[in-house]
Protein backbone atom coordinates (compact mmCIF):
# COMPACT_ATOMS: atom_id res chain seq x y z
CA MET A 1 0.00 0.00 0.00
CA ALA A 2 2.78 2.46 0.85
CA ALA A 3 4.34 1.85 -2.57
CA ASP A 4 0.99 2.65 -4.23
CA GLU A 5 0.67 5.90 -2.28
CA GLU A 6 4.17 6.89 -3.39
CA ARG A 7 2.99 6.63 -7.00
CA ASN A 8 0.09 9.04 -6.42
CA LEU A 9 0.50 12.78 -6.91
CA ILE A 10 -2.49 14.67 -5.52
CA GLU A 11 -2.56 18.47 -5.49
CA ILE A 12 -5.22 21.02 -4.68
CA LEU A 13 -3.85 24.22 -6.17
CA GLU A 14 -4.33 27.59 -4.50
CA GLU A 15 -6.06 30.49 -6.25
CA ASN A 16 -4.67 31.70 -9.57
CA ILE A 17 -2.22 28.79 -9.98
CA PRO A 18 -2.88 27.12 -13.35
CA ILE A 19 -2.56 23.37 -13.78
CA ASP A 20 0.76 22.42 -15.37
CA ILE A 21 -0.39 19.47 -17.47
CA ASN A 22 3.20 18.61 -18.48
CA LYS A 23 4.16 18.20 -14.79
CA TYR A 24 1.47 15.56 -14.24
CA MET A 25 2.11 13.81 -17.56
CA SER A 26 5.82 13.57 -16.69
CA TYR A 27 4.96 12.19 -13.26
CA VAL A 28 2.92 9.26 -14.61
CA GLN A 29 5.04 8.36 -17.63
CA SER A 30 7.19 5.27 -17.22
CA PRO A 31 9.16 3.00 -19.60
CA GLN A 32 7.16 -0.06 -18.47
CA CYS A 33 3.81 1.61 -19.27
CA GLY A 34 2.26 1.50 -22.71
CA ALA A 35 -0.63 3.78 -21.80
CA VAL A 36 -1.22 7.17 -20.23
CA SER A 37 -4.86 8.21 -20.06
CA THR A 38 -5.91 11.73 -19.12
CA PHE A 39 -8.93 13.84 -18.39
CA ALA A 40 -8.87 17.64 -18.43
CA GLY A 41 -11.99 19.45 -17.22
CA THR A 42 -12.14 22.97 -18.63
CA THR A 43 -14.44 25.94 -18.14
CA ARG A 44 -16.86 26.24 -21.05
CA ASP A 45 -18.38 29.53 -22.20
CA THR A 46 -22.07 28.61 -21.88
CA PHE A 47 -24.32 26.48 -19.71
CA GLN A 48 -28.04 25.99 -20.41
CA GLY A 49 -28.19 29.14 -22.50
CA GLU A 50 -26.31 31.30 -19.98
CA THR A 51 -23.01 32.96 -20.84
CA VAL A 52 -20.37 31.74 -18.37
CA LEU A 53 -17.61 34.16 -17.33
CA GLU A 54 -15.75 31.80 -15.00
CA LEU A 55 -16.08 29.02 -12.46
CA ARG A 56 -14.99 29.51 -8.85
CA TYR A 57 -13.95 26.58 -6.67
CA GLU A 58 -13.69 26.24 -2.91
CA ALA A 59 -12.65 23.15 -0.97
CA TYR A 60 -12.07 21.69 2.42
CA VAL A 61 -8.51 20.80 1.37
CA PRO A 62 -7.52 18.21 4.03
CA MET A 63 -10.72 16.22 3.44
CA ALA A 64 -10.48 16.66 -0.34
CA ILE A 65 -6.99 15.17 -0.33
CA LYS A 66 -8.13 12.33 1.95
CA CYS A 67 -11.05 11.56 -0.36
CA ILE A 68 -8.88 11.61 -3.50
CA LYS A 69 -6.38 9.26 -1.83
CA SER A 70 -9.26 6.91 -1.06
CA ILE A 71 -10.46 7.07 -4.67
CA CYS A 72 -6.91 6.26 -5.83
CA SER A 73 -6.93 3.19 -3.58
CA TRP A 74 -10.30 2.09 -4.99
CA ALA A 75 -8.95 2.50 -8.53
CA ARG A 76 -5.81 0.51 -7.73
CA SER A 77 -7.93 -2.31 -6.28
CA SER A 78 -9.87 -2.55 -9.57
CA TRP A 79 -7.21 -1.98 -12.23
CA ASN A 80 -3.50 -2.66 -12.68
CA LEU A 81 -2.16 0.92 -12.50
CA ASP A 82 1.33 2.31 -12.29
CA SER A 83 0.97 6.01 -11.40
CA ILE A 84 -1.92 8.40 -10.74
CA ALA A 85 -1.83 12.20 -10.77
CA VAL A 86 -4.80 14.38 -9.79
CA ALA A 87 -4.79 18.18 -9.71
CA HIS A 88 -7.70 20.50 -8.95
CA ARG A 89 -7.65 24.28 -8.93
CA LEU A 90 -9.27 26.54 -6.36
CA GLY A 91 -10.50 30.08 -6.89
CA PRO A 92 -11.53 31.54 -10.24
CA VAL A 93 -11.02 29.48 -13.42
CA PRO A 94 -11.72 31.54 -16.56
CA VAL A 95 -13.32 30.15 -19.72
CA GLY A 96 -10.96 27.85 -21.60
CA GLU A 97 -8.72 27.05 -18.61
CA THR A 98 -8.38 23.65 -16.90
CA SER A 99 -9.91 23.25 -13.44
CA VAL A 100 -9.24 19.52 -12.93
CA PHE A 101 -6.69 17.19 -14.49
CA ILE A 102 -6.22 13.46 -14.06
CA ALA A 103 -3.42 11.35 -15.57
CA ILE A 104 -3.07 7.60 -15.08
CA SER A 105 -0.47 5.21 -16.45
CA SER A 106 -0.69 1.47 -16.89
CA VAL A 107 0.90 -1.32 -18.89
CA HIS A 108 -2.22 -1.66 -21.08
CA ARG A 109 -4.68 1.03 -22.22
CA ALA A 110 -7.88 -0.58 -20.93
CA ASP A 111 -6.77 -0.25 -17.30
CA SER A 112 -5.81 3.41 -17.52
CA LEU A 113 -8.84 4.39 -19.65
CA ASP A 114 -11.33 2.70 -17.33
CA ALA A 115 -9.60 4.02 -14.20
CA CYS A 116 -9.49 7.57 -15.57
CA LYS A 117 -13.26 7.63 -16.13
CA PHE A 118 -13.82 6.12 -12.68
CA MET A 119 -11.53 8.71 -11.06
CA ILE A 120 -13.22 11.80 -12.54
CA ASP A 121 -16.70 10.44 -11.81
CA GLU A 122 -15.75 9.72 -8.18
CA VAL A 123 -13.99 13.06 -7.72
CA LYS A 124 -17.09 14.89 -8.93
CA ALA A 125 -19.42 12.71 -6.85
CA SER A 126 -17.68 12.61 -3.50
CA VAL A 127 -14.81 15.06 -3.00
CA PRO A 128 -15.61 18.22 -0.96
CA ILE A 129 -14.82 20.71 -3.71
CA TRP A 130 -17.62 23.20 -4.42
CA LYS A 131 -18.24 25.01 -7.70
CA LYS A 132 -19.87 28.38 -8.33
CA GLU A 133 -20.78 29.27 -11.91
CA VAL A 134 -20.44 32.99 -12.65
CA TYR A 135 -22.63 34.25 -15.50
CA THR A 136 -22.97 37.66 -17.14
CA ASN A 137 -26.22 38.12 -15.21
CA GLY A 138 -25.46 36.48 -11.84
CA GLU A 139 -23.91 33.46 -10.19
CA VAL A 140 -25.01 30.17 -8.66
CA TRP A 141 -23.45 27.37 -6.60
CA LYS A 142 -23.78 24.10 -8.51
CA GLU A 143 -23.93 20.47 -7.43
CA ASN A 144 -22.38 17.96 -9.81
CA SER A 145 -24.83 15.57 -11.44
CA GLU A 146 -22.74 12.66 -10.12
CA PHE A 147 -23.29 13.92 -6.56
CA MET A 148 -27.01 14.42 -7.15
CA GLU A 149 -27.37 10.83 -8.38
CA ARG A 150 -25.82 9.50 -5.17
CA ARG A 151 -27.08 11.85 -2.49
CA ASP A 152 -29.94 9.60 -1.49
CA ASP A 153 -27.71 6.52 -1.02
CA ILE A 154 -27.93 5.29 2.55
CA GLY A 155 -24.70 4.14 4.10
CA ARG A 156 -22.66 5.48 1.15
CA VAL A 157 -18.95 4.97 1.71
CA CYS A 158 -17.31 8.35 1.38
CA CYS A 159 -13.64 9.00 2.02
CA GLY A 160 -13.41 5.61 3.71
CA GLU A 161 -16.16 6.28 6.27
CA LYS A 162 -19.86 5.57 6.29
CA VAL A 163 -22.31 8.44 6.32
CA MET A 164 -25.56 7.41 7.98
CA VAL A 165 -28.58 9.18 6.59
CA LYS A 166 -31.70 9.43 8.73
CA GLU A 167 -34.27 12.01 9.72
CA GLY A 168 -32.78 14.36 12.29
CA ARG A 169 -30.59 17.41 12.42
CA GLU A 170 -28.63 18.47 9.35
CA LYS A 171 -24.84 18.33 9.17
CA LYS A 172 -22.49 19.14 6.33
CA GLY A 173 -21.00 15.81 5.24
CA CYS A 174 -17.79 14.95 3.46
CA CYS A 175 -19.69 14.40 0.24
CA SER A 176 -20.25 18.16 -0.09
CA GLY A 177 -23.99 18.06 0.48
CA LYS A 178 -26.04 18.29 3.59
CA VAL A 179 -26.94 14.92 5.05
CA LYS A 180 -29.15 14.16 8.01
CA ILE A 181 -27.51 12.09 10.70
CA ILE A 182 -28.46 10.72 14.10
CA ASP A 183 -25.11 10.93 15.91
CA GLU A 184 -21.65 12.21 15.21
CA ILE A 185 -19.65 9.55 13.39
């Protein structure tokens, strides 16, 4: 396990620091790997007919890193992977710039391709990074569709811990949404 963690590069970048894609590509490349799969999430200029000026991201960084490490472990348990790099920006991300980047290397392409899709879906569904879309006529905090699809799961494993959902008081959970819990976990 320690060797796997050494082959993970996880960074949450402070405001106004762009993602250096070459840095993460160099990190995962290896002579024994025949595949490097990547995903770059960029700010688009429109959403549902609205003109987008920028996205703004906030995070609970220690928990975000813990969650991404957990997702890396899940990926490694499902696919034969060499190295994983995940970077996510905080603060404003203008149109056309990258807000999240994932690079994964493996001996064969199927492992890295499948793991890359899994990683971005899990990051969007469960990591405590929040997105605000800024339009020409206002702004709104957005929940990722992946999170919305899972928010009603009872006993969902998130960041390695179970979140118990039940009627009661509300508490902000590690999955970025409000969940109702009985007791502190």
